[in-house]
Amino acid sequence: MKAGRVAYLGQSGMLANAMIDWAAGRDVGFSHLITVGDSVDVLLPDLIDYVNQFSPPRPLCCTLSGSTTPSTL
């Protein structure tokens, strides 16, 4: 996986693998690639804050299939 400026946050490891394959064929690199599943004890806003704290990506891609706390999004 090539280093770059795109960050990916999501619940699906399978979709993250597809993103890696897609990016490799287009010379796109990632600054962060984080998958957490759907039952992790970390909130999406916390992950976004973490990623932006060190080096704000361009763009920040998120996939979300559901949330137990939609008001925090």
C-alpha atoms as a PDB file:
ATOM      1  CA  MET A   1       0.000   0.000   0.000  1.00  0.00           C
ATOM      2  CA  LYS A   2       1.408   3.349  -1.069  1.00  0.00           C
ATOM      3  CA  ALA A   3       1.586   6.280   1.361  1.00  0.00           C
ATOM      4  CA  GLY A   4      -0.462   9.314   0.364  1.00  0.00           C
ATOM      5  CA  ARG A   5      -3.033  11.916   1.452  1.00  0.00           C
ATOM      6  CA  VAL A   6      -6.301   9.922   1.327  1.00  0.00           C
ATOM      7  CA  ALA A   7      -7.767   8.595   4.582  1.00  0.00           C
ATOM      8  CA  TYR A   8     -10.318   5.789   4.702  1.00  0.00           C
ATOM      9  CA  LEU A   9     -12.426   5.067   7.789  1.00  0.00           C
ATOM     10  CA  GLY A  10     -14.988   2.303   7.721  1.00  0.00           C
ATOM     11  CA  GLN A  11     -16.593  -0.717   9.262  1.00  0.00           C
ATOM     12  CA  SER A  12     -15.879  -3.210   6.504  1.00  0.00           C
ATOM     13  CA  GLY A  13     -12.509  -4.877   6.151  1.00  0.00           C
ATOM     14  CA  MET A  14     -13.632  -6.334   2.836  1.00  0.00           C
ATOM     15  CA  LEU A  15     -14.435  -2.871   1.472  1.00  0.00           C
ATOM     16  CA  ALA A  16     -11.062  -1.614   2.732  1.00  0.00           C
ATOM     17  CA  ASN A  17      -9.346  -4.394   0.768  1.00  0.00           C
ATOM     18  CA  ALA A  18     -11.292  -3.328  -2.314  1.00  0.00           C
ATOM     19  CA  MET A  19     -10.171   0.283  -1.725  1.00  0.00           C
ATOM     20  CA  ILE A  20      -6.534  -0.859  -1.555  1.00  0.00           C
ATOM     21  CA  ASP A  21      -6.880  -2.791  -4.828  1.00  0.00           C
ATOM     22  CA  TRP A  22      -8.644   0.152  -6.503  1.00  0.00           C
ATOM     23  CA  ALA A  23      -6.027   2.637  -5.289  1.00  0.00           C
ATOM     24  CA  ALA A  24      -3.068   0.488  -6.351  1.00  0.00           C
ATOM     25  CA  GLY A  25      -4.248   0.532  -9.957  1.00  0.00           C
ATOM     26  CA  ARG A  26      -4.570   4.326  -9.949  1.00  0.00           C
ATOM     27  CA  ASP A  27      -1.396   5.336  -8.089  1.00  0.00           C
ATOM     28  CA  VAL A  28      -3.433   6.592  -5.100  1.00  0.00           C
ATOM     29  CA  GLY A  29      -1.920   6.400  -1.610  1.00  0.00           C
ATOM     30  CA  PHE A  30      -3.391   6.419   1.878  1.00  0.00           C
ATOM     31  CA  SER A  31      -2.394   8.408   4.949  1.00  0.00           C
ATOM     32  CA  HIS A  32      -4.706   6.275   7.122  1.00  0.00           C
ATOM     33  CA  LEU A  33      -6.721   3.125   6.517  1.00  0.00           C
ATOM     34  CA  ILE A  34      -8.847   2.269   9.537  1.00  0.00           C
ATOM     35  CA  THR A  35     -11.514  -0.418   9.781  1.00  0.00           C
ATOM     36  CA  VAL A  36     -13.312  -0.973  13.058  1.00  0.00           C
ATOM     37  CA  GLY A  37     -16.190  -3.382  12.488  1.00  0.00           C
ATOM     38  CA  ASP A  38     -19.686  -2.554  13.660  1.00  0.00           C
ATOM     39  CA  SER A  39     -19.368  -3.276  17.375  1.00  0.00           C
ATOM     40  CA  VAL A  40     -16.178  -1.490  18.357  1.00  0.00           C
ATOM     41  CA  ASP A  41     -16.151   0.887  21.321  1.00  0.00           C
ATOM     42  CA  VAL A  42     -14.732   3.788  19.285  1.00  0.00           C
ATOM     43  CA  LEU A  43     -16.945   6.493  17.817  1.00  0.00           C
ATOM     44  CA  LEU A  44     -16.542   7.710  14.238  1.00  0.00           C
ATOM     45  CA  PRO A  45     -16.183  11.374  15.328  1.00  0.00           C
ATOM     46  CA  ASP A  46     -13.267  10.321  17.573  1.00  0.00           C
ATOM     47  CA  LEU A  47     -11.559   8.604  14.639  1.00  0.00           C
ATOM     48  CA  ILE A  48     -12.042  11.652  12.424  1.00  0.00           C
ATOM     49  CA  ASP A  49     -10.530  13.869  15.143  1.00  0.00           C
ATOM     50  CA  TYR A  50      -7.591  11.454  15.472  1.00  0.00           C
ATOM     51  CA  VAL A  51      -6.870  11.444  11.745  1.00  0.00           C
ATOM     52  CA  ASN A  52      -7.145  15.238  11.457  1.00  0.00           C
ATOM     53  CA  GLN A  53      -4.933  15.796  14.487  1.00  0.00           C
ATOM     54  CA  PHE A  54      -1.739  14.655  12.772  1.00  0.00           C
ATOM     55  CA  SER A  55      -2.047  15.360   9.075  1.00  0.00           C
ATOM     56  CA  PRO A  56      -5.406  16.370   7.636  1.00  0.00           C
ATOM     57  CA  PRO A  57      -6.127  14.132   4.656  1.00  0.00           C
ATOM     58  CA  ARG A  58      -7.465  15.127   1.280  1.00  0.00           C
ATOM     59  CA  PRO A  59     -10.001  13.505   0.964  1.00  0.00           C
ATOM     60  CA  LEU A  60     -11.401  11.694   3.991  1.00  0.00           C
ATOM     61  CA  CYS A  61     -13.534   8.740   2.845  1.00  0.00           C
ATOM     62  CA  CYS A  62     -15.959   7.105   5.273  1.00  0.00           C
ATOM     63  CA  THR A  63     -18.260   4.144   4.881  1.00  0.00           C
ATOM     64  CA  LEU A  64     -20.811   3.384   7.534  1.00  0.00           C
ATOM     65  CA  SER A  65     -23.478   0.707   7.466  1.00  0.00           C
ATOM     66  CA  GLY A  66     -25.108   1.684  10.730  1.00  0.00           C
ATOM     67  CA  SER A  67     -24.601   3.470  14.010  1.00  0.00           C
ATOM     68  CA  THR A  68     -25.926   2.885  17.499  1.00  0.00           C
ATOM     69  CA  THR A  69     -25.420   6.595  18.222  1.00  0.00           C
ATOM     70  CA  PRO A  70     -26.478   8.523  15.097  1.00  0.00           C
ATOM     71  CA  SER A  71     -26.718  11.781  17.027  1.00  0.00           C
ATOM     72  CA  THR A  72     -22.916  11.807  17.403  1.00  0.00           C
ATOM     73  CA  LEU A  73     -22.415  11.825  13.655  1.00  0.00           C
END
